[in-house]
Protein backbone atom coordinates (compact mmCIF):
# COMPACT_ATOMS: atom_id res chain seq x y z
CA MET A 1 8.92 -34.83 -0.15
CA LYS A 2 7.93 -31.20 0.33
CA GLN A 3 5.31 -29.62 -1.89
CA ARG A 4 6.31 -26.49 -3.79
CA VAL A 5 4.31 -23.45 -2.65
CA VAL A 6 3.26 -20.51 -4.80
CA ILE A 7 1.28 -17.29 -4.42
CA THR A 8 -1.86 -17.18 -6.58
CA GLY A 9 -3.77 -14.24 -5.11
CA MET A 10 -3.18 -11.07 -3.10
CA GLY A 11 -5.18 -8.32 -1.46
CA VAL A 12 -4.16 -5.13 0.32
CA CYS A 13 -5.76 -2.47 2.44
CA ALA A 14 -3.03 0.10 3.07
CA PRO A 15 -2.97 3.74 4.19
CA ASN A 16 -1.86 4.91 0.74
CA ALA A 17 -4.18 2.71 -1.35
CA VAL A 18 -6.79 -0.04 -1.14
CA GLY A 19 -6.74 -2.77 -3.80
CA LEU A 20 -3.84 -4.22 -5.80
CA GLU A 21 -4.05 -1.95 -8.84
CA ALA A 22 -4.23 1.26 -6.82
CA PHE A 23 -1.56 0.05 -4.41
CA THR A 24 0.85 -0.86 -7.22
CA LYS A 25 0.48 2.61 -8.72
CA ALA A 26 0.86 4.27 -5.31
CA ILE A 27 4.11 2.55 -4.39
CA GLN A 28 5.57 3.17 -7.84
CA GLU A 29 4.85 6.87 -7.46
CA GLY A 30 5.84 7.12 -3.80
CA VAL A 31 2.36 8.18 -2.68
CA SER A 32 2.03 8.84 1.04
CA GLY A 33 -0.94 7.69 3.09
CA ILE A 34 0.07 9.56 6.24
CA THR A 35 -2.26 12.33 7.37
CA HIS A 36 -2.87 14.59 10.36
CA HIS A 37 -5.52 13.39 12.84
CA ARG A 38 -7.35 16.08 14.80
CA VAL A 39 -8.40 13.57 17.47
CA LEU A 40 -4.74 12.96 18.37
CA LYS A 41 -4.16 16.70 18.73
CA ASP A 42 -7.26 17.06 20.92
CA LEU A 43 -5.99 14.25 23.15
CA GLN A 44 -2.59 15.99 23.44
CA PHE A 45 -0.59 13.31 21.66
CA SER A 46 2.99 14.27 20.83
CA CYS A 47 2.61 12.55 17.46
CA GLN A 48 -0.56 13.68 15.72
CA VAL A 49 -0.07 11.93 12.38
CA GLY A 50 -0.74 8.39 11.24
CA GLY A 51 -1.59 6.09 8.37
CA VAL A 52 -5.21 4.93 8.04
CA PRO A 53 -6.79 3.24 4.99
CA SER A 54 -9.66 5.16 3.40
CA ILE A 55 -12.77 2.93 3.43
CA SER A 56 -16.13 4.35 2.42
CA GLU A 57 -19.41 3.12 3.88
CA GLU A 58 -20.33 1.93 0.40
CA LYS A 59 -17.16 -0.15 0.16
CA LYS A 60 -17.81 -1.80 3.52
CA ARG A 61 -21.10 -3.08 2.15
CA ASN A 62 -19.29 -4.88 -0.65
CA TYR A 63 -17.88 -7.21 1.99
CA PHE A 64 -20.30 -7.14 4.95
CA SER A 65 -24.06 -7.45 5.25
CA GLU A 66 -26.11 -4.82 7.05
CA LEU A 67 -26.56 -7.30 9.88
CA GLN A 68 -22.80 -7.84 10.19
CA LEU A 69 -22.19 -4.10 10.27
CA ARG A 70 -24.69 -3.51 13.06
CA ASN A 71 -22.71 -2.41 16.15
CA PHE A 72 -19.50 -3.24 14.23
CA ASN A 73 -16.48 -1.31 15.51
CA ALA A 74 -13.31 -3.30 14.82
CA SER A 75 -11.09 -1.60 12.23
CA GLY A 76 -8.55 -4.43 12.09
CA ILE A 77 -11.18 -7.01 11.20
CA LEU A 78 -12.60 -4.63 8.59
CA TYR A 79 -9.21 -4.24 6.91
CA GLY A 80 -8.43 -7.96 7.19
CA VAL A 81 -11.70 -9.04 5.59
CA ILE A 82 -11.28 -6.61 2.69
CA ALA A 83 -7.71 -7.76 1.98
CA GLY A 84 -8.55 -11.43 2.50
CA ILE A 85 -11.63 -11.54 0.28
CA ASP A 86 -9.79 -9.56 -2.41
CA ALA A 87 -6.91 -12.08 -2.32
CA LEU A 88 -9.27 -15.00 -2.77
CA GLU A 89 -11.03 -13.33 -5.68
CA ASP A 90 -7.67 -12.36 -7.21
CA ALA A 91 -6.81 -16.06 -7.13
CA SER A 92 -10.00 -16.75 -9.17
CA LEU A 93 -11.59 -18.70 -6.35
CA SER A 94 -15.32 -18.05 -6.27
CA ILE A 95 -16.90 -17.45 -2.87
CA GLU A 96 -20.47 -17.32 -4.16
CA ASN A 97 -21.37 -20.84 -3.01
CA GLN A 98 -19.27 -21.01 0.11
CA ASP A 99 -22.38 -21.02 2.29
CA ILE A 100 -23.25 -24.46 0.88
CA GLU A 101 -20.09 -26.52 1.28
CA THR A 102 -17.03 -26.46 3.53
CA ASN A 103 -13.67 -26.45 1.73
CA TYR A 104 -11.46 -28.72 3.81
CA ASP A 105 -8.43 -28.00 1.61
CA LEU A 106 -8.53 -24.24 2.37
CA GLY A 107 -7.19 -22.77 5.61
CA VAL A 108 -6.82 -19.30 7.12
CA ILE A 109 -3.82 -18.05 9.10
CA PHE A 110 -4.38 -14.36 9.77
CA GLY A 111 -2.48 -12.52 12.47
CA VAL A 112 -3.14 -9.58 14.77
CA ALA A 113 -1.44 -7.75 17.62
CA THR A 114 -4.61 -6.36 19.18
CA SER A 115 -8.24 -6.85 18.19
CA GLY A 116 -11.28 -4.74 18.84
CA VAL A 117 -9.65 -2.13 21.08
CA GLU A 118 -12.34 0.43 20.25
CA LYS A 119 -15.01 -2.23 20.83
CA PHE A 120 -13.47 -3.01 24.23
CA ARG A 121 -13.61 0.67 25.14
CA GLU A 122 -17.24 0.86 24.07
CA ALA A 123 -18.04 -2.26 26.09
CA ILE A 124 -16.33 -0.97 29.23
CA TYR A 125 -18.41 2.21 29.21
CA LYS A 126 -21.64 0.27 28.68
CA ILE A 127 -20.85 -2.22 31.42
CA ASP A 128 -19.82 0.50 33.86
CA LYS A 129 -23.19 2.14 33.23
CA GLY A 130 -25.03 -1.13 33.82
CA ASN A 131 -25.93 -1.58 30.16
CA VAL A 132 -24.43 -5.05 29.69
CA ARG A 133 -27.44 -6.24 27.69
CA ARG A 134 -26.79 -3.51 25.13
CA LEU A 135 -23.36 -4.80 24.14
CA GLY A 136 -24.79 -6.69 21.19
CA SER A 137 -24.32 -10.25 20.04
CA THR A 138 -21.04 -9.62 18.16
CA ALA A 139 -19.02 -8.06 20.97
CA VAL A 140 -17.12 -11.32 21.59
CA ALA A 141 -16.47 -11.99 17.89
CA GLN A 142 -15.05 -8.48 17.43
CA THR A 143 -12.79 -8.57 20.48
CA MET A 144 -11.51 -12.15 20.54
CA THR A 145 -7.98 -12.42 19.19
CA SER A 146 -9.03 -14.85 16.45
CA GLY A 147 -11.89 -12.61 15.33
CA VAL A 148 -10.43 -11.77 11.91
CA SER A 149 -9.68 -15.39 10.98
CA ALA A 150 -13.12 -16.44 12.26
CA TYR A 151 -14.87 -13.80 10.16
CA LEU A 152 -12.87 -14.77 7.08
CA SER A 153 -13.35 -18.51 7.48
CA GLY A 154 -17.11 -18.05 7.78
CA MET A 155 -17.21 -15.91 4.65
CA ILE A 156 -15.14 -18.29 2.50
CA GLY A 157 -16.06 -21.66 4.03
CA ALA A 158 -12.51 -22.56 5.07
CA GLY A 159 -12.39 -26.01 6.68
CA ASN A 160 -8.66 -26.54 7.10
CA GLN A 161 -6.70 -24.94 9.94
CA VAL A 162 -8.20 -21.57 10.90
CA THR A 163 -6.09 -19.65 13.39
CA THR A 164 -4.61 -16.31 14.39
CA ASN A 165 -0.95 -15.80 15.21
CA SER A 166 0.45 -12.86 17.16
CA SER A 167 4.11 -11.87 17.23
CA ALA A 168 4.02 -8.08 17.34
CA CYS A 169 5.54 -6.51 14.21
CA ALA A 170 6.74 -9.92 12.93
CA THR A 171 3.15 -11.22 12.80
CA GLY A 172 2.42 -10.85 9.09
CA THR A 173 5.68 -12.37 7.86
CA GLU A 174 5.31 -15.20 10.37
CA ALA A 175 1.74 -15.90 9.14
CA VAL A 176 2.99 -16.37 5.57
CA LEU A 177 5.66 -18.79 6.79
CA MET A 178 3.09 -20.73 8.82
CA GLY A 179 0.91 -21.10 5.73
CA TYR A 180 3.92 -22.14 3.67
CA GLU A 181 4.82 -24.89 6.14
CA ARG A 182 1.26 -26.25 6.22
CA ILE A 183 1.10 -26.57 2.44
CA ALA A 184 4.70 -27.74 1.99
CA HIS A 185 4.07 -30.68 4.33
CA GLY A 186 0.84 -31.66 2.60
CA HIS A 187 -1.62 -30.60 5.29
CA ALA A 188 -3.49 -28.12 3.06
CA LYS A 189 -3.78 -27.18 -0.61
CA GLN A 190 -4.50 -23.50 -0.06
CA VAL A 191 -4.02 -21.16 2.91
CA LEU A 192 -5.15 -17.54 3.07
CA CYS A 193 -2.33 -15.84 4.98
CA GLY A 194 -2.01 -12.30 6.23
CA SER A 195 -2.34 -9.92 9.14
CA CYS A 196 -4.14 -6.75 10.15
CA GLY A 197 -3.49 -3.79 12.40
CA GLU A 198 -5.90 -1.38 14.07
CA ASP A 199 -5.70 2.38 14.33
CA GLY A 200 -6.78 5.16 16.65
CA PRO A 201 -5.67 6.73 19.91
CA TYR A 202 -6.33 3.67 22.06
CA THR A 203 -4.10 1.53 19.86
CA TRP A 204 -1.39 4.13 19.29
CA GLY A 205 -1.32 5.79 22.72
CA GLY A 206 1.19 3.40 24.26
CA PHE A 207 3.73 4.12 21.54
CA ASP A 208 3.28 7.85 22.04
CA ALA A 209 3.94 7.36 25.75
CA MET A 210 7.11 5.38 24.93
CA LYS A 211 8.38 8.31 22.82
CA VAL A 212 9.28 6.04 19.92
CA ILE A 213 7.08 7.86 17.38
CA THR A 214 7.93 11.17 15.77
CA TYR A 215 6.54 14.50 16.94
CA LYS A 216 8.43 16.72 14.50
CA HIS A 217 6.13 16.60 11.49
CA ASN A 218 2.62 17.26 12.76
CA ASP A 219 2.33 20.07 10.20
CA THR A 220 3.94 18.07 7.37
CA PRO A 221 2.55 14.52 7.74
CA GLU A 222 3.73 13.24 4.37
CA GLU A 223 7.32 13.96 5.42
CA ALA A 224 7.01 12.34 8.84
CA SER A 225 8.13 8.76 8.14
CA ARG A 226 11.80 8.78 7.13
CA PRO A 227 13.37 5.29 7.03
CA MET A 228 17.17 5.23 6.67
CA SER A 229 17.28 9.02 6.68
CA ALA A 230 19.77 11.09 8.64
CA SER A 231 16.78 13.13 9.87
CA ALA A 232 14.62 10.20 11.00
CA SER A 233 13.03 11.00 14.37
CA GLY A 234 10.83 8.01 15.16
CA PHE A 235 8.23 5.90 13.43
CA VAL A 236 4.75 6.94 12.34
CA PRO A 237 1.92 4.62 13.43
CA GLY A 238 -0.14 3.04 10.68
CA SER A 239 -2.81 0.41 10.13
CA GLY A 240 -4.35 -1.83 7.49
CA ALA A 241 -4.03 -5.40 6.23
CA GLY A 242 -2.33 -7.52 3.61
CA ALA A 243 -3.30 -10.99 2.41
CA LEU A 244 -1.69 -13.65 0.22
CA LEU A 245 -3.34 -16.83 -1.03
CA LEU A 246 -0.70 -19.55 -0.82
CA GLU A 247 -1.27 -22.72 -2.80
CA SER A 248 0.56 -25.90 -3.68
CA LEU A 249 2.11 -25.70 -7.12
CA GLU A 250 0.28 -28.90 -8.07
CA SER A 251 -3.10 -27.36 -7.17
CA ALA A 252 -2.30 -24.06 -8.91
CA LYS A 253 -1.25 -25.77 -12.14
CA ALA A 254 -4.25 -28.09 -12.09
CA ARG A 255 -6.66 -25.16 -12.12
CA GLY A 256 -4.55 -22.94 -14.41
CA ALA A 257 -4.06 -20.27 -11.78
CA LYS A 258 -2.01 -17.11 -12.23
CA ILE A 259 1.21 -17.44 -10.23
CA TYR A 260 2.81 -14.31 -8.79
CA ALA A 261 5.86 -15.91 -7.18
CA GLU A 262 7.10 -18.96 -5.33
CA VAL A 263 7.77 -19.13 -1.60
CA LEU A 264 11.10 -20.88 -1.05
CA GLY A 265 11.01 -20.92 2.75
CA GLY A 266 12.25 -18.86 5.65
CA GLU A 267 12.91 -18.77 9.36
CA VAL A 268 11.46 -17.48 12.61
CA ASN A 269 13.36 -17.14 15.88
CA SER A 270 13.77 -15.10 19.04
CA GLY A 271 16.75 -13.43 20.64
CA GLY A 272 15.42 -14.42 24.04
CA GLN A 273 15.92 -10.83 25.23
CA ARG A 274 19.58 -11.64 25.84
CA ASN A 275 22.85 -10.19 24.49
CA GLY A 276 21.42 -6.72 24.01
CA GLY A 277 17.93 -7.89 23.12
CA THR A 278 15.07 -6.51 25.23
CA MET A 279 11.31 -6.21 25.01
CA THR A 280 11.78 -3.38 22.50
CA ALA A 281 15.30 -3.87 21.09
CA PRO A 282 16.65 -6.74 18.98
CA ASN A 283 19.37 -9.21 19.85
CA ASN A 284 21.50 -8.56 16.77
CA GLU A 285 22.99 -12.05 16.78
CA ALA A 286 19.49 -13.52 16.63
CA VAL A 287 18.50 -11.22 13.75
CA GLN A 288 21.55 -12.30 11.77
CA ARG A 289 20.89 -15.98 12.57
CA CYS A 290 17.29 -15.60 11.40
CA ILE A 291 18.39 -14.20 8.03
CA SER A 292 21.18 -16.76 7.58
CA LYS A 293 18.97 -19.71 8.51
CA ALA A 294 16.25 -18.49 6.13
CA LEU A 295 18.75 -18.75 3.27
CA VAL A 296 19.69 -22.28 4.33
CA ASN A 297 16.06 -23.35 4.63
CA ALA A 298 15.31 -21.89 1.19
CA ASN A 299 18.38 -23.62 -0.23
CA ILE A 300 19.88 -20.46 -1.71
CA THR A 301 23.04 -18.42 -1.21
CA ALA A 302 23.34 -14.80 -0.14
CA LYS A 303 24.73 -13.92 -3.57
CA GLU A 304 21.38 -14.84 -5.14
CA ILE A 305 19.51 -12.08 -3.30
CA ASP A 306 18.55 -9.28 -5.70
CA TYR A 307 16.36 -7.25 -3.39
CA ILE A 308 15.54 -6.77 0.32
CA ASN A 309 12.32 -5.39 1.73
CA GLY A 310 13.52 -4.25 5.13
CA HIS A 311 11.75 -3.75 8.42
CA LEU A 312 13.34 -0.26 8.68
CA THR A 313 10.97 1.78 10.84
CA ALA A 314 12.62 5.25 10.75
CA THR A 315 14.14 5.01 14.22
CA ILE A 316 17.72 5.01 15.51
CA LYS A 317 17.75 1.24 14.88
CA ASP A 318 17.76 1.58 11.06
CA PRO A 319 21.59 1.68 10.80
CA VAL A 320 21.74 -1.31 13.15
CA GLU A 321 19.37 -3.26 10.91
CA ILE A 322 21.49 -2.47 7.85
CA ASP A 323 24.57 -3.69 9.68
CA ASN A 324 22.75 -6.92 10.53
CA TRP A 325 21.92 -7.47 6.86
CA VAL A 326 25.55 -6.81 5.92
CA GLN A 327 26.83 -9.29 8.50
CA ALA A 328 24.26 -11.99 7.70
CA LEU A 329 24.69 -11.80 3.92
CA ASP A 330 28.41 -10.96 4.00
CA ARG A 331 27.71 -8.38 1.31
CA ARG A 332 28.63 -4.73 1.61
CA GLY A 333 29.48 -1.63 -0.38
CA ASP A 334 28.61 -1.90 -4.08
CA ASP A 335 27.93 -5.63 -3.66
CA PHE A 336 24.91 -5.02 -1.42
CA PRO A 337 21.49 -5.65 -3.08
CA TYR A 338 18.73 -3.11 -3.49
CA ILE A 339 16.85 -2.36 -0.26
CA ASN A 340 13.80 -0.25 0.50
CA SER A 341 11.18 0.38 3.17
CA LEU A 342 7.47 0.80 2.53
CA LYS A 343 7.06 2.63 5.83
CA GLY A 344 8.06 5.94 4.26
CA MET A 345 4.66 5.88 2.51
CA THR A 346 2.44 4.00 4.97
CA GLY A 347 4.01 4.46 8.35
CA HIS A 348 4.57 1.42 10.54
CA CYS A 349 1.40 -0.66 10.25
CA LEU A 350 2.44 -2.73 13.29
CA ALA A 351 1.06 -6.31 13.04
CA ALA A 352 -0.10 -5.58 9.48
CA SER A 353 3.31 -4.41 8.32
CA GLY A 354 4.77 -7.81 7.40
CA SER A 355 1.83 -8.85 5.23
CA ILE A 356 1.37 -5.48 3.51
CA GLU A 357 5.10 -5.35 2.83
CA SER A 358 5.09 -8.96 1.56
CA VAL A 359 2.41 -7.96 -0.94
CA ALA A 360 4.56 -4.98 -1.96
CA THR A 361 7.58 -7.26 -2.35
CA VAL A 362 5.78 -9.72 -4.60
CA LEU A 363 4.24 -6.93 -6.70
CA GLN A 364 7.71 -5.55 -7.38
CA MET A 365 8.92 -8.98 -8.45
CA TYR A 366 5.91 -9.62 -10.66
CA HIS A 367 5.95 -6.24 -12.40
CA GLY A 368 9.73 -5.69 -12.46
CA PHE A 369 10.37 -2.55 -10.44
CA ILE A 370 11.75 -1.29 -7.13
CA PHE A 371 9.77 1.46 -5.46
CA PRO A 372 11.53 4.61 -4.21
CA ASN A 373 12.54 5.17 -0.59
CA SER A 374 10.37 8.10 0.44
CA ASN A 375 11.77 10.93 2.57
CA CYS A 376 15.31 9.61 2.37
CA ASP A 377 16.98 12.61 0.75
CA VAL A 378 20.02 12.36 3.01
CA ILE A 379 20.92 8.78 3.97
CA HIS A 380 22.13 8.18 7.51
CA PRO A 381 25.96 8.28 7.47
CA ASP A 382 26.25 5.07 9.51
CA ILE A 383 24.34 3.29 6.76
CA LEU A 384 26.59 4.67 4.04
CA ALA A 385 29.59 3.39 6.00
CA ASN A 386 28.27 -0.10 5.24
CA ILE A 387 26.55 -0.03 1.84
CA SER A 388 26.55 1.99 -1.35
CA GLU A 389 24.07 4.79 -1.95
CA LYS A 390 22.94 3.06 -5.15
CA SER A 391 21.46 0.24 -3.06
CA ILE A 392 18.91 2.70 -1.63
CA PRO A 393 16.95 4.04 -4.64
CA ARG A 394 15.17 7.37 -4.18
CA THR A 395 13.40 7.15 -7.55
CA LEU A 396 11.57 4.29 -9.26
CA VAL A 397 13.91 1.63 -10.67
CA GLN A 398 12.74 -0.64 -13.48
CA THR A 399 14.56 -3.95 -13.10
CA SER A 400 13.91 -7.67 -12.85
CA ILE A 401 13.99 -9.29 -9.42
CA LYS A 402 14.56 -13.04 -9.34
CA THR A 403 15.04 -13.56 -5.61
CA ALA A 404 13.76 -11.32 -2.82
CA VAL A 405 13.86 -11.44 0.94
CA LYS A 406 11.39 -9.90 3.38
CA ALA A 407 12.10 -9.66 7.11
CA SER A 408 10.23 -8.31 10.12
CA PHE A 409 11.46 -7.78 13.67
CA GLY A 410 9.02 -7.32 16.54
CA PHE A 411 8.68 -6.29 20.18
CA GLY A 412 9.55 -9.20 22.43
CA ASP A 413 12.76 -9.75 20.42
CA VAL A 414 11.08 -11.92 17.76
CA ASN A 415 12.15 -12.22 14.13
CA ALA A 416 10.76 -13.59 10.86
CA CYS A 417 12.39 -13.80 7.44
CA ILE A 418 10.96 -15.19 4.21
CA ILE A 419 12.41 -15.82 0.74
CA PHE A 420 10.42 -15.30 -2.49
CA ARG A 421 11.47 -16.28 -6.01
CA THR A 422 10.03 -15.37 -9.38
CA TYR A 423 8.19 -18.39 -10.78
CA LYS A 424 9.14 -19.59 -14.23
């Protein structure tokens, strides 16, 4: 018999706010975290704006020792550790004595797309100059793909499965599902799930070269990311991390933990880059199958969905995504549920997007609101041909959400969809 799985802690390190309280306020008010970056202009990027969390040197030292910060240059790991430790503390799990005993009931599944790109660049220059001995002892830990989960497990004493998944923009949502499965089948009591994404020219340059990010708002960065808008012109790159502490309901109740929501299940799949799917474009049939199968696995019907947190990146594919939701749920017009996209405020945080947006989804459920769709003054007409304008709120909506769905679709034609329900 499957264990029921709940969320008992969360942490977030987003471009528009760091920490749950600040992040909740920011998304309610539609605060943008997208700014202009002089370095991108100097390097002649077409898109010179992006979303980067604001982390002071003082704040870093709340999570890392001076020794750990020596020669440290991995923004993704930084964001992941902040979000992960915050989630554990939010779940009222003390980490003060984790250096004494290993917790074999606690695991870490924390995803990335790339890790330590800036550290790699630094290492290449040193090696090319014959300074290999000056790389430092943490160069490997900062650049290995599993670096963020390794850092976190060492800080919290996690002795269950500790791993890093990587599925492009579907990474964060997939990580939550992987943690859910491990607990549901009795292999762990608690799993710290999440993902992180790096920032900077060496991470974002490839997207600029692909011409999939906007170049029209370098002078108005807060207006640059425009999901579902008729004037959307490409996504804005972002970075950060989100983390959720998943726990068996039995364990959570035994220790009297606060419960944000329940995870009912979900689905991951791939379109195989067939039937219109490519390295960068989705196979629409596979997207619809992923959503439909998630409902089956969660044992709910499409009619029960109150709210959708979409992938919706502010590209020409936004109307296509809406059509996929309509087809998969068989709901359209006034019958379509509320839907929004966080990317209007944060940009597309790449591998971190699914986890940050999962945190945003659960916060809306827990506090009873739906955040506004930023920069969507004029909705794309192809979207309005499918669903009602009231499904796309442009101002804060106070309402209860019983059942929510979060989906992410990534390069390589990979998909992930997860169902959350308010816990009573």
